Amino acid sequence: MIEKPNIVGPEYIAELLGMELSTIKVDARRKPESLPPRLVLPGHKKLRWIEADVLDWLNSFRPKRDAGKKKPGRPSQASRQYPQGLGDSTS
């Protein structure tokens, strides 16, 4: 048996994102790319989303955790590679 998806409205999106309901309604029409992918049913104008899609969309913005990876930045002098003869204090 197919599991029934949980359908949510703009109130759910507004609460989840901490935005005003009116902002969600305006953004859904003017800037739909700023919101999760919408469920568009033929012949219906109501704003609806599938909850699982909303949560997947939201999780896509979470930073990826790479254990042991250093922050990007300028390398230390000790780790720099110099061509032969450069960087030596003996010359």
PDB file of N, CA and C in Angstrom:
ATOM      1  N   MET A   1       0.838  -1.184   0.000  1.00  0.00           N
ATOM      2  CA  MET A   1       0.000   0.000   0.000  1.00  0.00           C
ATOM      3  C   MET A   1       0.884   1.249   0.000  1.00  0.00           C
ATOM      4  N   ILE A   2       0.510   2.248  -0.776  1.00  0.00           N
ATOM      5  CA  ILE A   2       1.263   3.486  -0.877  1.00  0.00           C
ATOM      6  C   ILE A   2       0.944   4.363   0.333  1.00  0.00           C
ATOM      7  N   GLU A   3       2.014   4.925   0.914  1.00  0.00           N
ATOM      8  CA  GLU A   3       1.832   5.798   2.070  1.00  0.00           C
ATOM      9  C   GLU A   3       1.313   7.160   1.617  1.00  0.00           C
ATOM     10  N   LYS A   4       0.302   7.649   2.309  1.00  0.00           N
ATOM     11  CA  LYS A   4      -0.303   8.938   1.975  1.00  0.00           C
ATOM     12  C   LYS A   4       0.640  10.067   2.400  1.00  0.00           C
ATOM     13  N   PRO A   5       1.007  10.974   1.467  1.00  0.00           N
ATOM     14  CA  PRO A   5       1.888  12.087   1.849  1.00  0.00           C
ATOM     15  C   PRO A   5       1.137  13.113   2.681  1.00  0.00           C
ATOM     16  N   ASN A   6       1.849  13.757   3.561  1.00  0.00           N
ATOM     17  CA  ASN A   6       1.257  14.811   4.387  1.00  0.00           C
ATOM     18  C   ASN A   6       1.316  16.114   3.592  1.00  0.00           C
ATOM     19  N   ILE A   7       0.153  16.679   3.273  1.00  0.00           N
ATOM     20  CA  ILE A   7       0.053  17.916   2.506  1.00  0.00           C
ATOM     21  C   ILE A   7      -0.039  19.080   3.493  1.00  0.00           C
ATOM     22  N   VAL A   8       0.798  20.119   3.290  1.00  0.00           N
ATOM     23  CA  VAL A   8       0.816  21.268   4.194  1.00  0.00           C
ATOM     24  C   VAL A   8       0.543  22.542   3.411  1.00  0.00           C
ATOM     25  N   GLY A   9       0.105  23.557   4.128  1.00  0.00           N
ATOM     26  CA  GLY A   9      -0.214  24.841   3.519  1.00  0.00           C
ATOM     27  C   GLY A   9       0.811  25.905   3.863  1.00  0.00           C
ATOM     28  N   PRO A  10       0.546  27.127   3.461  1.00  0.00           N
ATOM     29  CA  PRO A  10       1.494  28.212   3.698  1.00  0.00           C
ATOM     30  C   PRO A  10       1.697  28.529   5.185  1.00  0.00           C
ATOM     31  N   GLU A  11       0.724  28.211   6.008  1.00  0.00           N
ATOM     32  CA  GLU A  11       0.880  28.441   7.454  1.00  0.00           C
ATOM     33  C   GLU A  11       2.025  27.597   8.010  1.00  0.00           C
ATOM     34  N   TYR A  12       2.113  26.349   7.549  1.00  0.00           N
ATOM     35  CA  TYR A  12       3.177  25.440   7.983  1.00  0.00           C
ATOM     36  C   TYR A  12       4.535  25.976   7.542  1.00  0.00           C
ATOM     37  N   ILE A  13       4.627  26.427   6.283  1.00  0.00           N
ATOM     38  CA  ILE A  13       5.880  26.943   5.741  1.00  0.00           C
ATOM     39  C   ILE A  13       6.300  28.194   6.510  1.00  0.00           C
ATOM     40  N   ALA A  14       5.349  29.091   6.769  1.00  0.00           N
ATOM     41  CA  ALA A  14       5.645  30.327   7.499  1.00  0.00           C
ATOM     42  C   ALA A  14       6.174  30.024   8.899  1.00  0.00           C
ATOM     43  N   GLU A  15       5.534  29.113   9.585  1.00  0.00           N
ATOM     44  CA  GLU A  15       5.976  28.760  10.940  1.00  0.00           C
ATOM     45  C   GLU A  15       7.343  28.092  10.912  1.00  0.00           C
ATOM     46  N   LEU A  16       7.550  27.187   9.977  1.00  0.00           N
ATOM     47  CA  LEU A  16       8.811  26.466   9.870  1.00  0.00           C
ATOM     48  C   LEU A  16       9.976  27.399   9.565  1.00  0.00           C
ATOM     49  N   LEU A  17       9.751  28.364   8.675  1.00  0.00           N
ATOM     50  CA  LEU A  17      10.821  29.278   8.266  1.00  0.00           C
ATOM     51  C   LEU A  17      10.886  30.544   9.117  1.00  0.00           C
ATOM     52  N   GLY A  18       9.923  30.714  10.021  1.00  0.00           N
ATOM     53  CA  GLY A  18       9.908  31.901  10.876  1.00  0.00           C
ATOM     54  C   GLY A  18       9.604  33.167  10.090  1.00  0.00           C
ATOM     55  N   MET A  19       8.696  33.053   9.128  1.00  0.00           N
ATOM     56  CA  MET A  19       8.324  34.181   8.283  1.00  0.00           C
ATOM     57  C   MET A  19       6.842  34.489   8.459  1.00  0.00           C
ATOM     58  N   GLU A  20       6.455  35.665   8.006  1.00  0.00           N
ATOM     59  CA  GLU A  20       5.044  36.041   8.033  1.00  0.00           C
ATOM     60  C   GLU A  20       4.285  35.269   6.957  1.00  0.00           C
ATOM     61  N   LEU A  21       3.045  34.937   7.239  1.00  0.00           N
ATOM     62  CA  LEU A  21       2.203  34.226   6.286  1.00  0.00           C
ATOM     63  C   LEU A  21       2.063  35.017   4.983  1.00  0.00           C
ATOM     64  N   SER A  22       1.895  36.329   5.103  1.00  0.00           N
ATOM     65  CA  SER A  22       1.744  37.165   3.907  1.00  0.00           C
ATOM     66  C   SER A  22       3.004  37.119   3.034  1.00  0.00           C
ATOM     67  N   THR A  23       4.173  37.033   3.652  1.00  0.00           N
ATOM     68  CA  THR A  23       5.432  36.945   2.899  1.00  0.00           C
ATOM     69  C   THR A  23       5.486  35.648   2.104  1.00  0.00           C
ATOM     70  N   ILE A  24       5.062  34.557   2.710  1.00  0.00           N
ATOM     71  CA  ILE A  24       5.046  33.263   2.027  1.00  0.00           C
ATOM     72  C   ILE A  24       4.115  33.325   0.820  1.00  0.00           C
ATOM     73  N   LYS A  25       2.944  33.918   0.999  1.00  0.00           N
ATOM     74  CA  LYS A  25       1.976  34.009  -0.093  1.00  0.00           C
ATOM     75  C   LYS A  25       2.500  34.853  -1.250  1.00  0.00           C
ATOM     76  N   VAL A  26       3.132  35.972  -0.932  1.00  0.00           N
ATOM     77  CA  VAL A  26       3.685  36.836  -1.973  1.00  0.00           C
ATOM     78  C   VAL A  26       4.855  36.138  -2.666  1.00  0.00           C
ATOM     79  N   ASP A  27       5.761  35.552  -1.885  1.00  0.00           N
ATOM     80  CA  ASP A  27       6.925  34.872  -2.462  1.00  0.00           C
ATOM     81  C   ASP A  27       6.521  33.689  -3.340  1.00  0.00           C
ATOM     82  N   ALA A  28       5.446  33.010  -2.990  1.00  0.00           N
ATOM     83  CA  ALA A  28       5.004  31.863  -3.779  1.00  0.00           C
ATOM     84  C   ALA A  28       4.619  32.277  -5.200  1.00  0.00           C
ATOM     85  N   ARG A  29       4.170  33.490  -5.350  1.00  0.00           N
ATOM     86  CA  ARG A  29       3.770  33.965  -6.673  1.00  0.00           C
ATOM     87  C   ARG A  29       4.868  34.771  -7.376  1.00  0.00           C
ATOM     88  N   ARG A  30       5.599  35.583  -6.621  1.00  0.00           N
ATOM     89  CA  ARG A  30       6.614  36.452  -7.231  1.00  0.00           C
ATOM     90  C   ARG A  30       7.999  35.809  -7.311  1.00  0.00           C
ATOM     91  N   LYS A  31       8.376  35.044  -6.278  1.00  0.00           N
ATOM     92  CA  LYS A  31       9.697  34.417  -6.226  1.00  0.00           C
ATOM     93  C   LYS A  31       9.578  32.956  -5.797  1.00  0.00           C
ATOM     94  N   PRO A  32       8.959  32.117  -6.597  1.00  0.00           N
ATOM     95  CA  PRO A  32       8.749  30.726  -6.169  1.00  0.00           C
ATOM     96  C   PRO A  32      10.053  29.965  -5.923  1.00  0.00           C
ATOM     97  N   GLU A  33      11.163  30.425  -6.526  1.00  0.00           N
ATOM     98  CA  GLU A  33      12.448  29.753  -6.313  1.00  0.00           C
ATOM     99  C   GLU A  33      12.985  29.947  -4.895  1.00  0.00           C
ATOM    100  N   SER A  34      12.406  30.893  -4.150  1.00  0.00           N
ATOM    101  CA  SER A  34      12.857  31.140  -2.784  1.00  0.00           C
ATOM    102  C   SER A  34      12.155  30.244  -1.762  1.00  0.00           C
ATOM    103  N   LEU A  35      11.256  29.399  -2.231  1.00  0.00           N
ATOM    104  CA  LEU A  35      10.502  28.497  -1.358  1.00  0.00           C
ATOM    105  C   LEU A  35      10.687  27.055  -1.819  1.00  0.00           C
ATOM    106  N   PRO A  36      10.273  26.103  -0.990  1.00  0.00           N
ATOM    107  CA  PRO A  36      10.354  24.695  -1.407  1.00  0.00           C
ATOM    108  C   PRO A  36       9.496  24.452  -2.649  1.00  0.00           C
ATOM    109  N   PRO A  37       9.788  23.367  -3.400  1.00  0.00           N
ATOM    110  CA  PRO A  37       8.971  23.066  -4.583  1.00  0.00           C
ATOM    111  C   PRO A  37       7.515  22.846  -4.191  1.00  0.00           C
ATOM    112  N   ARG A  38       6.647  23.527  -4.902  1.00  0.00           N
ATOM    113  CA  ARG A  38       5.221  23.540  -4.588  1.00  0.00           C
ATOM    114  C   ARG A  38       4.484  22.391  -5.261  1.00  0.00           C
ATOM    115  N   LEU A  39       3.417  21.957  -4.639  1.00  0.00           N
ATOM    116  CA  LEU A  39       2.524  20.960  -5.221  1.00  0.00           C
ATOM    117  C   LEU A  39       1.436  21.715  -5.985  1.00  0.00           C
ATOM    118  N   VAL A  40       1.425  21.560  -7.304  1.00  0.00           N
ATOM    119  CA  VAL A  40       0.443  22.261  -8.129  1.00  0.00           C
ATOM    120  C   VAL A  40      -0.564  21.238  -8.637  1.00  0.00           C
ATOM    121  N   LEU A  41      -1.787  21.363  -8.183  1.00  0.00           N
ATOM    122  CA  LEU A  41      -2.846  20.466  -8.613  1.00  0.00           C
ATOM    123  C   LEU A  41      -3.661  21.149  -9.702  1.00  0.00           C
ATOM    124  N   PRO A  42      -3.950  20.456 -10.794  1.00  0.00           N
ATOM    125  CA  PRO A  42      -4.720  21.061 -11.881  1.00  0.00           C
ATOM    126  C   PRO A  42      -6.081  21.554 -11.390  1.00  0.00           C
ATOM    127  N   GLY A  43      -6.400  22.779 -11.756  1.00  0.00           N
ATOM    128  CA  GLY A  43      -7.699  23.336 -11.400  1.00  0.00           C
ATOM    129  C   GLY A  43      -7.786  23.912  -9.995  1.00  0.00           C
ATOM    130  N   HIS A  44      -6.667  23.929  -9.259  1.00  0.00           N
ATOM    131  CA  HIS A  44      -6.676  24.455  -7.892  1.00  0.00           C
ATOM    132  C   HIS A  44      -5.649  25.571  -7.760  1.00  0.00           C
ATOM    133  N   LYS A  45      -6.023  26.634  -7.051  1.00  0.00           N
ATOM    134  CA  LYS A  45      -5.113  27.755  -6.851  1.00  0.00           C
ATOM    135  C   LYS A  45      -4.502  27.770  -5.452  1.00  0.00           C
ATOM    136  N   LYS A  46      -4.958  26.883  -4.574  1.00  0.00           N
ATOM    137  CA  LYS A  46      -4.444  26.870  -3.209  1.00  0.00           C
ATOM    138  C   LYS A  46      -2.958  26.533  -3.188  1.00  0.00           C
ATOM    139  N   LEU A  47      -2.258  27.170  -2.251  1.00  0.00           N
ATOM    140  CA  LEU A  47      -0.840  26.898  -2.069  1.00  0.00           C
ATOM    141  C   LEU A  47      -0.690  25.648  -1.211  1.00  0.00           C
ATOM    142  N   ARG A  48      -0.033  24.636  -1.749  1.00  0.00           N
ATOM    143  CA  ARG A  48       0.152  23.373  -1.039  1.00  0.00           C
ATOM    144  C   ARG A  48       1.544  22.840  -1.302  1.00  0.00           C
ATOM    145  N   TRP A  49       2.095  22.157  -0.301  1.00  0.00           N
ATOM    146  CA  TRP A  49       3.392  21.503  -0.407  1.00  0.00           C
ATOM    147  C   TRP A  49       3.290  20.115   0.213  1.00  0.00           C
ATOM    148  N   ILE A  50       4.155  19.222  -0.214  1.00  0.00           N
ATOM    149  CA  ILE A  50       4.283  17.915   0.426  1.00  0.00           C
ATOM    150  C   ILE A  50       5.336  18.075   1.512  1.00  0.00           C
ATOM    151  N   GLU A  51       4.987  17.717   2.727  1.00  0.00           N
ATOM    152  CA  GLU A  51       5.853  17.959   3.874  1.00  0.00           C
ATOM    153  C   GLU A  51       7.245  17.354   3.690  1.00  0.00           C
ATOM    154  N   ALA A  52       7.326  16.150   3.167  1.00  0.00           N
ATOM    155  CA  ALA A  52       8.638  15.506   2.968  1.00  0.00           C
ATOM    156  C   ALA A  52       9.502  16.313   2.002  1.00  0.00           C
ATOM    157  N   ASP A  53       8.889  16.902   0.957  1.00  0.00           N
ATOM    158  CA  ASP A  53       9.640  17.738   0.015  1.00  0.00           C
ATOM    159  C   ASP A  53      10.156  18.997   0.701  1.00  0.00           C
ATOM    160  N   VAL A  54       9.337  19.569   1.574  1.00  0.00           N
ATOM    161  CA  VAL A  54       9.725  20.775   2.301  1.00  0.00           C
ATOM    162  C   VAL A  54      10.931  20.484   3.187  1.00  0.00           C
ATOM    163  N   LEU A  55      10.874  19.376   3.910  1.00  0.00           N
ATOM    164  CA  LEU A  55      11.974  19.027   4.812  1.00  0.00           C
ATOM    165  C   LEU A  55      13.245  18.676   4.042  1.00  0.00           C
ATOM    166  N   ASP A  56      13.104  17.997   2.905  1.00  0.00           N
ATOM    167  CA  ASP A  56      14.269  17.704   2.057  1.00  0.00           C
ATOM    168  C   ASP A  56      14.894  18.990   1.543  1.00  0.00           C
ATOM    169  N   TRP A  57      14.062  19.919   1.105  1.00  0.00           N
ATOM    170  CA  TRP A  57      14.538  21.210   0.606  1.00  0.00           C
ATOM    171  C   TRP A  57      15.284  21.957   1.708  1.00  0.00           C
ATOM    172  N   LEU A  58      14.719  21.972   2.897  1.00  0.00           N
ATOM    173  CA  LEU A  58      15.338  22.669   4.020  1.00  0.00           C
ATOM    174  C   LEU A  58      16.673  22.024   4.391  1.00  0.00           C
ATOM    175  N   ASN A  59      16.724  20.700   4.413  1.00  0.00           N
ATOM    176  CA  ASN A  59      17.968  19.996   4.747  1.00  0.00           C
ATOM    177  C   ASN A  59      19.050  20.183   3.698  1.00  0.00           C
ATOM    178  N   SER A  60      18.665  20.533   2.476  1.00  0.00           N
ATOM    179  CA  SER A  60      19.664  20.732   1.428  1.00  0.00           C
ATOM    180  C   SER A  60      20.555  21.940   1.714  1.00  0.00           C
ATOM    181  N   PHE A  61      20.141  22.815   2.617  1.00  0.00           N
ATOM    182  CA  PHE A  61      20.924  23.996   2.958  1.00  0.00           C
ATOM    183  C   PHE A  61      21.840  23.778   4.160  1.00  0.00           C
ATOM    184  N   ARG A  62      21.777  22.620   4.772  1.00  0.00           N
ATOM    185  CA  ARG A  62      22.639  22.332   5.919  1.00  0.00           C
ATOM    186  C   ARG A  62      24.067  22.167   5.447  1.00  0.00           C
ATOM    187  N   PRO A  63      25.024  22.685   6.201  1.00  0.00           N
ATOM    188  CA  PRO A  63      26.427  22.520   5.804  1.00  0.00           C
ATOM    189  C   PRO A  63      26.832  21.053   5.908  1.00  0.00           C
ATOM    190  N   LYS A  64      27.652  20.634   4.969  1.00  0.00           N
ATOM    191  CA  LYS A  64      28.161  19.266   4.987  1.00  0.00           C
ATOM    192  C   LYS A  64      29.287  19.195   6.009  1.00  0.00           C
ATOM    193  N   ARG A  65      29.284  18.164   6.797  1.00  0.00           N
ATOM    194  CA  ARG A  65      30.317  18.010   7.825  1.00  0.00           C
ATOM    195  C   ARG A  65      31.416  17.094   7.301  1.00  0.00           C
ATOM    196  N   ASP A  66      32.602  17.648   7.163  1.00  0.00           N
ATOM    197  CA  ASP A  66      33.765  16.873   6.754  1.00  0.00           C
ATOM    198  C   ASP A  66      34.713  16.817   7.945  1.00  0.00           C
ATOM    199  N   ALA A  67      34.701  15.688   8.629  1.00  0.00           N
ATOM    200  CA  ALA A  67      35.547  15.531   9.805  1.00  0.00           C
ATOM    201  C   ALA A  67      37.011  15.592   9.398  1.00  0.00           C
ATOM    202  N   GLY A  68      37.783  16.359  10.142  1.00  0.00           N
ATOM    203  CA  GLY A  68      39.211  16.427   9.906  1.00  0.00           C
ATOM    204  C   GLY A  68      39.633  17.381   8.803  1.00  0.00           C
ATOM    205  N   LYS A  69      38.713  18.022   8.153  1.00  0.00           N
ATOM    206  CA  LYS A  69      39.060  18.936   7.074  1.00  0.00           C
ATOM    207  C   LYS A  69      39.328  20.310   7.669  1.00  0.00           C
ATOM    208  N   LYS A  70      40.428  20.913   7.252  1.00  0.00           N
ATOM    209  CA  LYS A  70      40.786  22.231   7.758  1.00  0.00           C
ATOM    210  C   LYS A  70      39.989  23.313   7.044  1.00  0.00           C
ATOM    211  N   LYS A  71      39.876  24.445   7.715  1.00  0.00           N
ATOM    212  CA  LYS A  71      39.254  25.602   7.089  1.00  0.00           C
ATOM    213  C   LYS A  71      40.162  26.111   5.982  1.00  0.00           C
ATOM    214  N   PRO A  72      39.596  26.638   4.907  1.00  0.00           N
ATOM    215  CA  PRO A  72      40.433  27.195   3.858  1.00  0.00           C
ATOM    216  C   PRO A  72      41.109  28.468   4.350  1.00  0.00           C
ATOM    217  N   GLY A  73      42.294  28.693   3.883  1.00  0.00           N
ATOM    218  CA  GLY A  73      43.027  29.889   4.272  1.00  0.00           C
ATOM    219  C   GLY A  73      44.440  29.834   3.758  1.00  0.00           C
ATOM    220  N   ARG A  74      45.202  30.801   4.137  1.00  0.00           N
ATOM    221  CA  ARG A  74      46.582  30.872   3.691  1.00  0.00           C
ATOM    222  C   ARG A  74      47.387  29.775   4.387  1.00  0.00           C
ATOM    223  N   PRO A  75      48.197  29.021   3.630  1.00  0.00           N
ATOM    224  CA  PRO A  75      48.994  27.966   4.256  1.00  0.00           C
ATOM    225  C   PRO A  75      50.093  28.555   5.130  1.00  0.00           C
ATOM    226  N   SER A  76      50.479  27.817   6.150  1.00  0.00           N
ATOM    227  CA  SER A  76      51.559  28.281   7.017  1.00  0.00           C
ATOM    228  C   SER A  76      52.875  28.228   6.252  1.00  0.00           C
ATOM    229  N   GLN A  77      53.873  28.974   6.709  1.00  0.00           N
ATOM    230  CA  GLN A  77      55.160  29.007   6.013  1.00  0.00           C
ATOM    231  C   GLN A  77      55.827  27.643   6.016  1.00  0.00           C
ATOM    232  N   ALA A  78      55.613  26.875   7.064  1.00  0.00           N
ATOM    233  CA  ALA A  78      56.240  25.559   7.161  1.00  0.00           C
ATOM    234  C   ALA A  78      55.696  24.600   6.107  1.00  0.00           C
ATOM    235  N   SER A  79      54.454  24.803   5.683  1.00  0.00           N
ATOM    236  CA  SER A  79      53.858  23.865   4.732  1.00  0.00           C
ATOM    237  C   SER A  79      54.010  24.307   3.271  1.00  0.00           C
ATOM    238  N   ARG A  80      54.592  25.493   3.052  1.00  0.00           N
ATOM    239  CA  ARG A  80      54.748  25.980   1.682  1.00  0.00           C
ATOM    240  C   ARG A  80      55.844  25.211   0.950  1.00  0.00           C
ATOM    241  N   GLN A  81      55.625  24.990  -0.324  1.00  0.00           N
ATOM    242  CA  GLN A  81      56.612  24.327  -1.171  1.00  0.00           C
ATOM    243  C   GLN A  81      57.356  25.388  -1.971  1.00  0.00           C
ATOM    244  N   TYR A  82      58.679  25.417  -1.808  1.00  0.00           N
ATOM    245  CA  TYR A  82      59.504  26.371  -2.542  1.00  0.00           C
ATOM    246  C   TYR A  82      60.309  25.635  -3.606  1.00  0.00           C
ATOM    247  N   PRO A  83      60.571  26.283  -4.746  1.00  0.00           N
ATOM    248  CA  PRO A  83      61.453  25.685  -5.738  1.00  0.00           C
ATOM    249  C   PRO A  83      62.858  25.509  -5.161  1.00  0.00           C
ATOM    250  N   GLN A  84      63.624  24.627  -5.753  1.00  0.00           N
ATOM    251  CA  GLN A  84      64.977  24.322  -5.270  1.00  0.00           C
ATOM    252  C   GLN A  84      65.792  25.603  -5.142  1.00  0.00           C
ATOM    253  N   GLY A  85      66.361  25.835  -3.989  1.00  0.00           N
ATOM    254  CA  GLY A  85      67.228  26.983  -3.771  1.00  0.00           C
ATOM    255  C   GLY A  85      66.498  28.204  -3.222  1.00  0.00           C
ATOM    256  N   LEU A  86      65.174  28.251  -3.313  1.00  0.00           N
ATOM    257  CA  LEU A  86      64.431  29.379  -2.769  1.00  0.00           C
ATOM    258  C   LEU A  86      63.902  29.027  -1.392  1.00  0.00           C
ATOM    259  N   GLY A  87      63.866  29.979  -0.539  1.00  0.00           N
ATOM    260  CA  GLY A  87      63.332  29.752   0.792  1.00  0.00           C
ATOM    261  C   GLY A  87      64.360  29.199   1.750  1.00  0.00           C
ATOM    262  N   ASP A  88      65.555  28.882   1.267  1.00  0.00           N
ATOM    263  CA  ASP A  88      66.621  28.407   2.146  1.00  0.00           C
ATOM    264  C   ASP A  88      67.309  29.609   2.783  1.00  0.00           C
ATOM    265  N   SER A  89      67.608  29.514   4.032  1.00  0.00           N
ATOM    266  CA  SER A  89      68.320  30.597   4.702  1.00  0.00           C
ATOM    267  C   SER A  89      69.828  30.364   4.606  1.00  0.00           C
ATOM    268  N   THR A  90      70.263  29.234   3.995  1.00  0.00           N
ATOM    269  CA  THR A  90      71.685  28.936   3.903  1.00  0.00           C
ATOM    270  C   THR A  90      72.339  29.582   2.694  1.00  0.00           C
ATOM    271  N   SER A  91      71.588  30.132   1.755  1.00  0.00           N
ATOM    272  CA  SER A  91      72.178  30.720   0.550  1.00  0.00           C
ATOM    273  C   SER A  91      72.677  32.098   0.753  1.00  0.00           C
TER     274      SER A  91
END
